[in-house]
Amino acid sequence: MSSQSLGHRLSAATGIDRGDRLYQQDQVEVYPHPRAAGCLLAVLADGMGGKSGGRKAADQVLLIARQLFERFVPGRDPAAELLKQIVQESHLMIRLTAITSEQEPHSTIAAALVLPNRECHIIHAGDSRVYVFRGSQLLIRSMDHSLVQRLVEQGEISEEEANDHPHAHLLTGCLGSDEEPPITPARVDQLREGDSVMVCSDGLWHYFTSRELGTIVNALRPRDASKMLISKARQRARGGGDNLSLALVRVDPLG
């Protein structure tokens, strides 16, 4: 998929794999704006809560994201407000589903909105991540809403220890829980040619350092990079892998 605007082209691809789980509860899409060239939304949801509950929650996140994005007018509507609204409305919808069913569905979200002027806005809840790379160098990375991330920030464990921590799966914030979801927006004022934006679930990022991710997304086209990252994650999981998914967007020169 590609979208052109202001002398640049956005190339995008998604990848998804069930891993070694019985059910696929990740969902990921890249939506080009229906009226504004060079504007797109990459959104990922990692559902939790029973074989159908988690998938339903992830589906609801993507549905709401698409509906709100299609009504969004770049240059008029605040981008950060759109992302905040996606988080809040998805949370509410998942909570309503929980009331009417006997399941307790939850979901993470990781989303990146690229505007025609190359401004990039990101938001997340849970342990699905957003990375922005300048070439192969990490520019920004979202910080997980998880117990181990809190321990890292408090200096109690290292990033390396966090990866193998027994409570690595415990989230301090997500969609569908009793508490309101965290709202932690960030932005890059202007993406440059060669910059990449990636949203991915923990089933993928768990197996890579930021340096590895940056090297791969910089060296390959988004579609090829997505395939390679999923293949490597599956190898490194050694039969114990979670659902994994990602969306990659790169700013390329025209021509």
C-alpha atoms as a PDB file:
ATOM      1  CA  MET A   1       0.000   0.000   0.000  1.00  0.00           C
ATOM      2  CA  SER A   2       1.247   3.518  -0.718  1.00  0.00           C
ATOM      3  CA  SER A   3      -0.068   7.082  -0.476  1.00  0.00           C
ATOM      4  CA  GLN A   4       1.515  10.186  -2.029  1.00  0.00           C
ATOM      5  CA  SER A   5       1.632  13.785  -0.826  1.00  0.00           C
ATOM      6  CA  LEU A   6       3.974  16.804  -0.706  1.00  0.00           C
ATOM      7  CA  GLY A   7       6.823  15.185  -2.609  1.00  0.00           C
ATOM      8  CA  HIS A   8       6.925  11.981  -0.610  1.00  0.00           C
ATOM      9  CA  ARG A   9       5.324   8.573  -0.651  1.00  0.00           C
ATOM     10  CA  LEU A  10       4.157   6.543   2.314  1.00  0.00           C
ATOM     11  CA  SER A  11       4.777   2.823   1.884  1.00  0.00           C
ATOM     12  CA  ALA A  12       2.976   0.532   4.308  1.00  0.00           C
ATOM     13  CA  ALA A  13       2.531  -3.153   5.077  1.00  0.00           C
ATOM     14  CA  THR A  14       1.062  -5.315   7.812  1.00  0.00           C
ATOM     15  CA  GLY A  15       2.003  -8.756   9.092  1.00  0.00           C
ATOM     16  CA  ILE A  16       0.184 -11.130  11.419  1.00  0.00           C
ATOM     17  CA  ASP A  17       0.738 -14.691  12.666  1.00  0.00           C
ATOM     18  CA  ARG A  18      -1.060 -16.897  15.187  1.00  0.00           C
ATOM     19  CA  GLY A  19       2.229 -18.011  16.673  1.00  0.00           C
ATOM     20  CA  ASP A  20       1.862 -21.178  18.756  1.00  0.00           C
ATOM     21  CA  ARG A  21      -1.518 -20.225  20.198  1.00  0.00           C
ATOM     22  CA  LEU A  22      -4.792 -21.931  19.318  1.00  0.00           C
ATOM     23  CA  TYR A  23      -6.560 -18.660  18.525  1.00  0.00           C
ATOM     24  CA  GLN A  24      -5.665 -15.399  16.820  1.00  0.00           C
ATOM     25  CA  GLN A  25      -6.574 -12.456  19.051  1.00  0.00           C
ATOM     26  CA  ASP A  26      -4.340  -9.800  17.459  1.00  0.00           C
ATOM     27  CA  GLN A  27      -5.786  -7.514  14.813  1.00  0.00           C
ATOM     28  CA  VAL A  28      -3.900  -4.941  12.735  1.00  0.00           C
ATOM     29  CA  GLU A  29      -4.704  -2.628   9.827  1.00  0.00           C
ATOM     30  CA  VAL A  30      -3.378   0.413   7.993  1.00  0.00           C
ATOM     31  CA  TYR A  31      -6.180   2.723   6.866  1.00  0.00           C
ATOM     32  CA  PRO A  32      -5.498   5.327   4.156  1.00  0.00           C
ATOM     33  CA  HIS A  33      -7.633   8.423   4.633  1.00  0.00           C
ATOM     34  CA  PRO A  34     -10.595   8.382   2.212  1.00  0.00           C
ATOM     35  CA  ARG A  35     -10.191  12.048   1.217  1.00  0.00           C
ATOM     36  CA  ALA A  36      -6.696  13.259   2.206  1.00  0.00           C
ATOM     37  CA  ALA A  37      -3.665  11.987   0.280  1.00  0.00           C
ATOM     38  CA  GLY A  38      -0.622  11.264   2.432  1.00  0.00           C
ATOM     39  CA  CYS A  39      -2.705  10.662   5.549  1.00  0.00           C
ATOM     40  CA  LEU A  40      -3.045   7.245   7.134  1.00  0.00           C
ATOM     41  CA  LEU A  41      -3.740   5.495  10.414  1.00  0.00           C
ATOM     42  CA  ALA A  42      -1.913   2.348  11.530  1.00  0.00           C
ATOM     43  CA  VAL A  43      -3.710   0.625  14.400  1.00  0.00           C
ATOM     44  CA  LEU A  44      -3.101  -2.636  16.262  1.00  0.00           C
ATOM     45  CA  ALA A  45      -5.053  -4.368  19.026  1.00  0.00           C
ATOM     46  CA  ASP A  46      -3.977  -7.383  21.083  1.00  0.00           C
ATOM     47  CA  GLY A  47      -7.155  -8.875  22.559  1.00  0.00           C
ATOM     48  CA  MET A  48      -7.403 -10.793  25.828  1.00  0.00           C
ATOM     49  CA  GLY A  49     -10.173 -12.782  27.484  1.00  0.00           C
ATOM     50  CA  GLY A  50     -11.254 -16.183  26.219  1.00  0.00           C
ATOM     51  CA  LYS A  51     -10.981 -17.518  22.683  1.00  0.00           C
ATOM     52  CA  SER A  52     -13.730 -15.243  21.304  1.00  0.00           C
ATOM     53  CA  GLY A  53     -13.729 -12.443  23.894  1.00  0.00           C
ATOM     54  CA  GLY A  54     -10.252 -11.216  23.072  1.00  0.00           C
ATOM     55  CA  ARG A  55     -10.818 -11.364  19.329  1.00  0.00           C
ATOM     56  CA  LYS A  56     -14.098  -9.489  19.663  1.00  0.00           C
ATOM     57  CA  ALA A  57     -12.397  -6.778  21.736  1.00  0.00           C
ATOM     58  CA  ALA A  58      -9.626  -6.391  19.138  1.00  0.00           C
ATOM     59  CA  ASP A  59     -12.213  -6.250  16.331  1.00  0.00           C
ATOM     60  CA  GLN A  60     -14.079  -3.491  18.174  1.00  0.00           C
ATOM     61  CA  VAL A  61     -10.920  -1.395  18.514  1.00  0.00           C
ATOM     62  CA  LEU A  62     -10.249  -1.545  14.773  1.00  0.00           C
ATOM     63  CA  LEU A  63     -13.873  -0.871  13.848  1.00  0.00           C
ATOM     64  CA  ILE A  64     -14.059   2.234  16.036  1.00  0.00           C
ATOM     65  CA  ALA A  65     -10.657   3.442  14.833  1.00  0.00           C
ATOM     66  CA  ARG A  66     -11.741   3.165  11.184  1.00  0.00           C
ATOM     67  CA  GLN A  67     -15.095   4.883  11.756  1.00  0.00           C
ATOM     68  CA  LEU A  68     -13.576   7.822  13.651  1.00  0.00           C
ATOM     69  CA  PHE A  69     -10.683   8.159  11.190  1.00  0.00           C
ATOM     70  CA  GLU A  70     -13.049   8.311   8.200  1.00  0.00           C
ATOM     71  CA  ARG A  71     -14.786  11.321   9.808  1.00  0.00           C
ATOM     72  CA  PHE A  72     -11.485  13.007  10.685  1.00  0.00           C
ATOM     73  CA  VAL A  73     -10.549  16.133   8.685  1.00  0.00           C
ATOM     74  CA  PRO A  74      -6.755  16.711   8.636  1.00  0.00           C
ATOM     75  CA  GLY A  75      -5.836  20.353   9.165  1.00  0.00           C
ATOM     76  CA  ARG A  76      -9.115  21.076  10.925  1.00  0.00           C
ATOM     77  CA  ASP A  77      -9.542  18.406  13.583  1.00  0.00           C
ATOM     78  CA  PRO A  78      -6.824  17.967  16.270  1.00  0.00           C
ATOM     79  CA  ALA A  79      -4.919  14.727  15.601  1.00  0.00           C
ATOM     80  CA  ALA A  80      -4.200  14.056  19.287  1.00  0.00           C
ATOM     81  CA  GLU A  81      -7.917  14.356  20.057  1.00  0.00           C
ATOM     82  CA  LEU A  82      -8.779  11.764  17.409  1.00  0.00           C
ATOM     83  CA  LEU A  83      -6.379   9.235  18.954  1.00  0.00           C
ATOM     84  CA  LYS A  84      -7.653   9.985  22.470  1.00  0.00           C
ATOM     85  CA  GLN A  85     -11.222   9.479  21.252  1.00  0.00           C
ATOM     86  CA  ILE A  86     -10.312   6.124  19.672  1.00  0.00           C
ATOM     87  CA  VAL A  87      -8.877   4.931  23.004  1.00  0.00           C
ATOM     88  CA  GLN A  88     -11.833   6.143  25.065  1.00  0.00           C
ATOM     89  CA  GLU A  89     -14.598   4.923  22.751  1.00  0.00           C
ATOM     90  CA  SER A  90     -12.939   1.524  22.260  1.00  0.00           C
ATOM     91  CA  HIS A  91     -12.637   1.166  26.040  1.00  0.00           C
ATOM     92  CA  LEU A  92     -16.313   2.027  26.496  1.00  0.00           C
ATOM     93  CA  MET A  93     -17.450  -0.406  23.797  1.00  0.00           C
ATOM     94  CA  ILE A  94     -15.400  -3.263  25.290  1.00  0.00           C
ATOM     95  CA  ARG A  95     -16.795  -2.480  28.747  1.00  0.00           C
ATOM     96  CA  LEU A  96     -20.347  -2.595  27.366  1.00  0.00           C
ATOM     97  CA  THR A  97     -19.616  -5.950  25.733  1.00  0.00           C
ATOM     98  CA  ALA A  98     -18.388  -7.291  29.078  1.00  0.00           C
ATOM     99  CA  ILE A  99     -21.642  -6.252  30.752  1.00  0.00           C
ATOM    100  CA  THR A 100     -23.770  -8.074  28.189  1.00  0.00           C
ATOM    101  CA  SER A 101     -21.657 -11.238  28.096  1.00  0.00           C
ATOM    102  CA  GLU A 102     -20.089 -13.495  30.678  1.00  0.00           C
ATOM    103  CA  GLN A 103     -16.597 -12.875  29.377  1.00  0.00           C
ATOM    104  CA  GLU A 104     -14.119 -10.251  30.511  1.00  0.00           C
ATOM    105  CA  PRO A 105     -12.683  -8.951  27.246  1.00  0.00           C
ATOM    106  CA  HIS A 106      -9.715  -6.583  27.261  1.00  0.00           C
ATOM    107  CA  SER A 107      -7.382  -5.252  24.600  1.00  0.00           C
ATOM    108  CA  THR A 108      -4.238  -3.256  24.127  1.00  0.00           C
ATOM    109  CA  ILE A 109      -3.976  -0.587  21.444  1.00  0.00           C
ATOM    110  CA  ALA A 110      -1.043   0.904  19.563  1.00  0.00           C
ATOM    111  CA  ALA A 111      -1.806   3.514  16.910  1.00  0.00           C
ATOM    112  CA  ALA A 112       0.118   5.943  14.721  1.00  0.00           C
ATOM    113  CA  LEU A 113      -1.487   8.722  12.686  1.00  0.00           C
ATOM    114  CA  VAL A 114       0.551  10.266   9.862  1.00  0.00           C
ATOM    115  CA  LEU A 115      -0.743  13.586   8.488  1.00  0.00           C
ATOM    116  CA  PRO A 116      -0.212  15.008   4.966  1.00  0.00           C
ATOM    117  CA  ASN A 117       2.397  17.441   6.367  1.00  0.00           C
ATOM    118  CA  ARG A 118       4.346  14.406   7.740  1.00  0.00           C
ATOM    119  CA  GLU A 119       3.415  15.146  11.349  1.00  0.00           C
ATOM    120  CA  CYS A 120       3.108  11.853  13.226  1.00  0.00           C
ATOM    121  CA  HIS A 121       0.960  11.354  16.334  1.00  0.00           C
ATOM    122  CA  ILE A 122       1.017   8.161  18.400  1.00  0.00           C
ATOM    123  CA  ILE A 123      -0.909   6.670  21.296  1.00  0.00           C
ATOM    124  CA  HIS A 124      -1.012   3.332  23.096  1.00  0.00           C
ATOM    125  CA  ALA A 125      -2.486   1.464  26.043  1.00  0.00           C
ATOM    126  CA  GLY A 126      -1.030  -1.768  27.414  1.00  0.00           C
ATOM    127  CA  ASP A 127       2.121  -3.466  26.126  1.00  0.00           C
ATOM    128  CA  SER A 128       1.650  -3.116  22.379  1.00  0.00           C
ATOM    129  CA  ARG A 129       4.273  -0.671  21.180  1.00  0.00           C
ATOM    130  CA  VAL A 130       4.879   2.159  18.743  1.00  0.00           C
ATOM    131  CA  TYR A 131       8.430   2.680  17.457  1.00  0.00           C
ATOM    132  CA  VAL A 132       9.640   5.553  15.263  1.00  0.00           C
ATOM    133  CA  PHE A 133      13.003   5.084  13.539  1.00  0.00           C
ATOM    134  CA  ARG A 134      15.090   7.698  11.748  1.00  0.00           C
ATOM    135  CA  GLY A 135      16.946   5.514   9.305  1.00  0.00           C
ATOM    136  CA  SER A 136      18.059   2.658  11.548  1.00  0.00           C
ATOM    137  CA  GLN A 137      18.211   4.771  14.731  1.00  0.00           C
ATOM    138  CA  LEU A 138      15.439   4.698  17.325  1.00  0.00           C
ATOM    139  CA  LEU A 139      13.805   8.127  17.569  1.00  0.00           C
ATOM    140  CA  ILE A 140      11.030   7.358  20.076  1.00  0.00           C
ATOM    141  CA  ARG A 141       9.388   4.292  21.585  1.00  0.00           C
ATOM    142  CA  SER A 142       6.208   4.066  23.615  1.00  0.00           C
ATOM    143  CA  MET A 143       6.636   2.880  27.212  1.00  0.00           C
ATOM    144  CA  ASP A 144       4.516  -0.150  28.149  1.00  0.00           C
ATOM    145  CA  HIS A 145       1.748   0.169  30.701  1.00  0.00           C
ATOM    146  CA  SER A 146       2.969  -2.920  32.541  1.00  0.00           C
ATOM    147  CA  LEU A 147       4.292  -3.980  35.909  1.00  0.00           C
ATOM    148  CA  VAL A 148       7.771  -4.755  34.602  1.00  0.00           C
ATOM    149  CA  GLN A 149       8.041  -1.379  32.825  1.00  0.00           C
ATOM    150  CA  ARG A 150       7.207   0.275  36.141  1.00  0.00           C
ATOM    151  CA  LEU A 151       9.976  -1.779  37.807  1.00  0.00           C
ATOM    152  CA  VAL A 152      12.417  -0.711  35.068  1.00  0.00           C
ATOM    153  CA  GLU A 153      11.497   2.953  35.554  1.00  0.00           C
ATOM    154  CA  GLN A 154      11.996   2.598  39.314  1.00  0.00           C
ATOM    155  CA  GLY A 155      15.461   1.128  38.699  1.00  0.00           C
ATOM    156  CA  GLU A 156      14.609  -2.217  40.308  1.00  0.00           C
ATOM    157  CA  ILE A 157      15.281  -4.326  37.200  1.00  0.00           C
ATOM    158  CA  SER A 158      17.024  -3.788  33.854  1.00  0.00           C
ATOM    159  CA  GLU A 159      15.394  -3.812  30.402  1.00  0.00           C
ATOM    160  CA  GLU A 160      17.010  -7.230  29.802  1.00  0.00           C
ATOM    161  CA  GLU A 161      15.624  -8.633  33.069  1.00  0.00           C
ATOM    162  CA  ALA A 162      12.183  -7.282  32.188  1.00  0.00           C
ATOM    163  CA  ASN A 163      11.989  -9.480  29.100  1.00  0.00           C
ATOM    164  CA  ASP A 164      12.213 -12.689  31.129  1.00  0.00           C
ATOM    165  CA  HIS A 165      10.414 -11.504  34.248  1.00  0.00           C
ATOM    166  CA  PRO A 166       7.736 -13.950  35.543  1.00  0.00           C
ATOM    167  CA  HIS A 167       5.175 -11.109  35.675  1.00  0.00           C
ATOM    168  CA  ALA A 168       5.966  -9.737  32.215  1.00  0.00           C
ATOM    169  CA  HIS A 169       2.341 -10.253  31.146  1.00  0.00           C
ATOM    170  CA  LEU A 170       0.766  -8.137  33.913  1.00  0.00           C
ATOM    171  CA  LEU A 171      -0.576  -4.839  32.569  1.00  0.00           C
ATOM    172  CA  THR A 172      -1.144  -1.673  34.578  1.00  0.00           C
ATOM    173  CA  GLY A 173      -3.415  -0.197  31.927  1.00  0.00           C
ATOM    174  CA  CYS A 174      -5.404  -1.406  28.902  1.00  0.00           C
ATOM    175  CA  LEU A 175      -8.838  -1.158  27.265  1.00  0.00           C
ATOM    176  CA  GLY A 176     -11.812  -2.798  28.971  1.00  0.00           C
ATOM    177  CA  SER A 177     -10.507  -2.882  32.560  1.00  0.00           C
ATOM    178  CA  ASP A 178     -12.289  -1.331  35.537  1.00  0.00           C
ATOM    179  CA  GLU A 179      -9.984   1.695  35.456  1.00  0.00           C
ATOM    180  CA  GLU A 180     -10.002   4.303  32.718  1.00  0.00           C
ATOM    181  CA  PRO A 181      -7.321   3.545  30.105  1.00  0.00           C
ATOM    182  CA  PRO A 182      -4.091   5.546  30.181  1.00  0.00           C
ATOM    183  CA  ILE A 183      -3.844   8.383  27.678  1.00  0.00           C
ATOM    184  CA  THR A 184      -0.174   8.825  26.734  1.00  0.00           C
ATOM    185  CA  PRO A 185       0.083  10.656  23.404  1.00  0.00           C
ATOM    186  CA  ALA A 186       3.349  11.572  21.708  1.00  0.00           C
ATOM    187  CA  ARG A 187       4.301  13.175  18.410  1.00  0.00           C
ATOM    188  CA  VAL A 188       7.064  13.662  15.891  1.00  0.00           C
ATOM    189  CA  ASP A 189       6.815  17.144  14.382  1.00  0.00           C
ATOM    190  CA  GLN A 190       7.907  16.018  10.948  1.00  0.00           C
ATOM    191  CA  LEU A 191       8.873  12.636   9.597  1.00  0.00           C
ATOM    192  CA  ARG A 192      11.742  12.713   7.119  1.00  0.00           C
ATOM    193  CA  GLU A 193      12.484  10.553   4.096  1.00  0.00           C
ATOM    194  CA  GLY A 194      13.783   7.218   5.379  1.00  0.00           C
ATOM    195  CA  ASP A 195      11.851   7.394   8.660  1.00  0.00           C
ATOM    196  CA  SER A 196       9.774   4.364   9.657  1.00  0.00           C
ATOM    197  CA  VAL A 197       6.870   4.005  12.071  1.00  0.00           C
ATOM    198  CA  MET A 198       6.031   0.585  13.468  1.00  0.00           C
ATOM    199  CA  VAL A 199       3.187  -0.586  15.688  1.00  0.00           C
ATOM    200  CA  CYS A 200       3.520  -4.130  17.037  1.00  0.00           C
ATOM    201  CA  SER A 201       2.254  -6.513  19.701  1.00  0.00           C
ATOM    202  CA  ASP A 202       4.381  -7.994  22.490  1.00  0.00           C
ATOM    203  CA  GLY A 203       4.441 -11.312  20.619  1.00  0.00           C
ATOM    204  CA  LEU A 204       6.760  -9.580  18.152  1.00  0.00           C
ATOM    205  CA  TRP A 205       8.847  -6.995  20.028  1.00  0.00           C
ATOM    206  CA  HIS A 206       9.673  -9.444  22.818  1.00  0.00           C
ATOM    207  CA  TYR A 207      12.236 -11.136  20.549  1.00  0.00           C
ATOM    208  CA  PHE A 208      14.145  -8.065  19.332  1.00  0.00           C
ATOM    209  CA  THR A 209      16.280  -5.216  20.558  1.00  0.00           C
ATOM    210  CA  SER A 210      15.467  -1.742  19.256  1.00  0.00           C
ATOM    211  CA  ARG A 211      18.753  -1.835  17.345  1.00  0.00           C
ATOM    212  CA  GLU A 212      17.754  -5.046  15.523  1.00  0.00           C
ATOM    213  CA  LEU A 213      14.339  -3.654  14.658  1.00  0.00           C
ATOM    214  CA  GLY A 214      15.834  -0.429  13.310  1.00  0.00           C
ATOM    215  CA  THR A 215      18.370  -2.276  11.167  1.00  0.00           C
ATOM    216  CA  ILE A 216      15.701  -4.480   9.572  1.00  0.00           C
ATOM    217  CA  VAL A 217      13.060  -1.803   8.911  1.00  0.00           C
ATOM    218  CA  ASN A 218      15.722   0.473   7.413  1.00  0.00           C
ATOM    219  CA  ALA A 219      17.263  -2.179   5.154  1.00  0.00           C
ATOM    220  CA  LEU A 220      14.088  -3.656   3.646  1.00  0.00           C
ATOM    221  CA  ARG A 221      10.840  -2.499   2.123  1.00  0.00           C
ATOM    222  CA  PRO A 222       7.941  -2.599   4.621  1.00  0.00           C
ATOM    223  CA  ARG A 223       6.457  -5.786   3.186  1.00  0.00           C
ATOM    224  CA  ASP A 224       9.791  -7.642   3.221  1.00  0.00           C
ATOM    225  CA  ALA A 225      10.689  -6.290   6.660  1.00  0.00           C
ATOM    226  CA  SER A 226       7.336  -7.467   8.052  1.00  0.00           C
ATOM    227  CA  LYS A 227       7.905 -10.974   6.690  1.00  0.00           C
ATOM    228  CA  MET A 228      11.431 -11.143   8.053  1.00  0.00           C
ATOM    229  CA  LEU A 229      10.434  -9.902  11.529  1.00  0.00           C
ATOM    230  CA  ILE A 230       7.629 -12.432  11.827  1.00  0.00           C
ATOM    231  CA  SER A 231       9.869 -15.249  10.581  1.00  0.00           C
ATOM    232  CA  LYS A 232      12.649 -14.368  13.054  1.00  0.00           C
ATOM    233  CA  ALA A 233      10.209 -13.994  15.958  1.00  0.00           C
ATOM    234  CA  ARG A 234       8.731 -17.418  15.191  1.00  0.00           C
ATOM    235  CA  GLN A 235      12.214 -18.986  15.128  1.00  0.00           C
ATOM    236  CA  ARG A 236      13.226 -17.347  18.396  1.00  0.00           C
ATOM    237  CA  ALA A 237       9.976 -18.371  20.141  1.00  0.00           C
ATOM    238  CA  ARG A 238      10.984 -22.050  19.727  1.00  0.00           C
ATOM    239  CA  GLY A 239       7.433 -23.339  19.820  1.00  0.00           C
ATOM    240  CA  GLY A 240       6.233 -21.085  22.652  1.00  0.00           C
ATOM    241  CA  GLY A 241       5.225 -17.970  20.742  1.00  0.00           C
ATOM    242  CA  ASP A 242       2.242 -15.685  21.328  1.00  0.00           C
ATOM    243  CA  ASN A 243       0.073 -14.158  18.584  1.00  0.00           C
ATOM    244  CA  LEU A 244       2.215 -11.581  16.813  1.00  0.00           C
ATOM    245  CA  SER A 245       1.380  -8.681  14.548  1.00  0.00           C
ATOM    246  CA  LEU A 246       2.775  -5.444  13.207  1.00  0.00           C
ATOM    247  CA  ALA A 247       2.176  -2.576  10.823  1.00  0.00           C
ATOM    248  CA  LEU A 248       5.050  -0.726   9.201  1.00  0.00           C
ATOM    249  CA  VAL A 249       4.908   2.689   7.515  1.00  0.00           C
ATOM    250  CA  ARG A 250       7.914   4.284   5.809  1.00  0.00           C
ATOM    251  CA  VAL A 251       8.433   7.685   4.230  1.00  0.00           C
ATOM    252  CA  ASP A 252       9.987   7.183   0.789  1.00  0.00           C
ATOM    253  CA  PRO A 253      10.981   9.716  -1.880  1.00  0.00           C
ATOM    254  CA  LEU A 254       8.743   9.965  -4.933  1.00  0.00           C
ATOM    255  CA  GLY A 255       9.944   8.158  -8.000  1.00  0.00           C
END
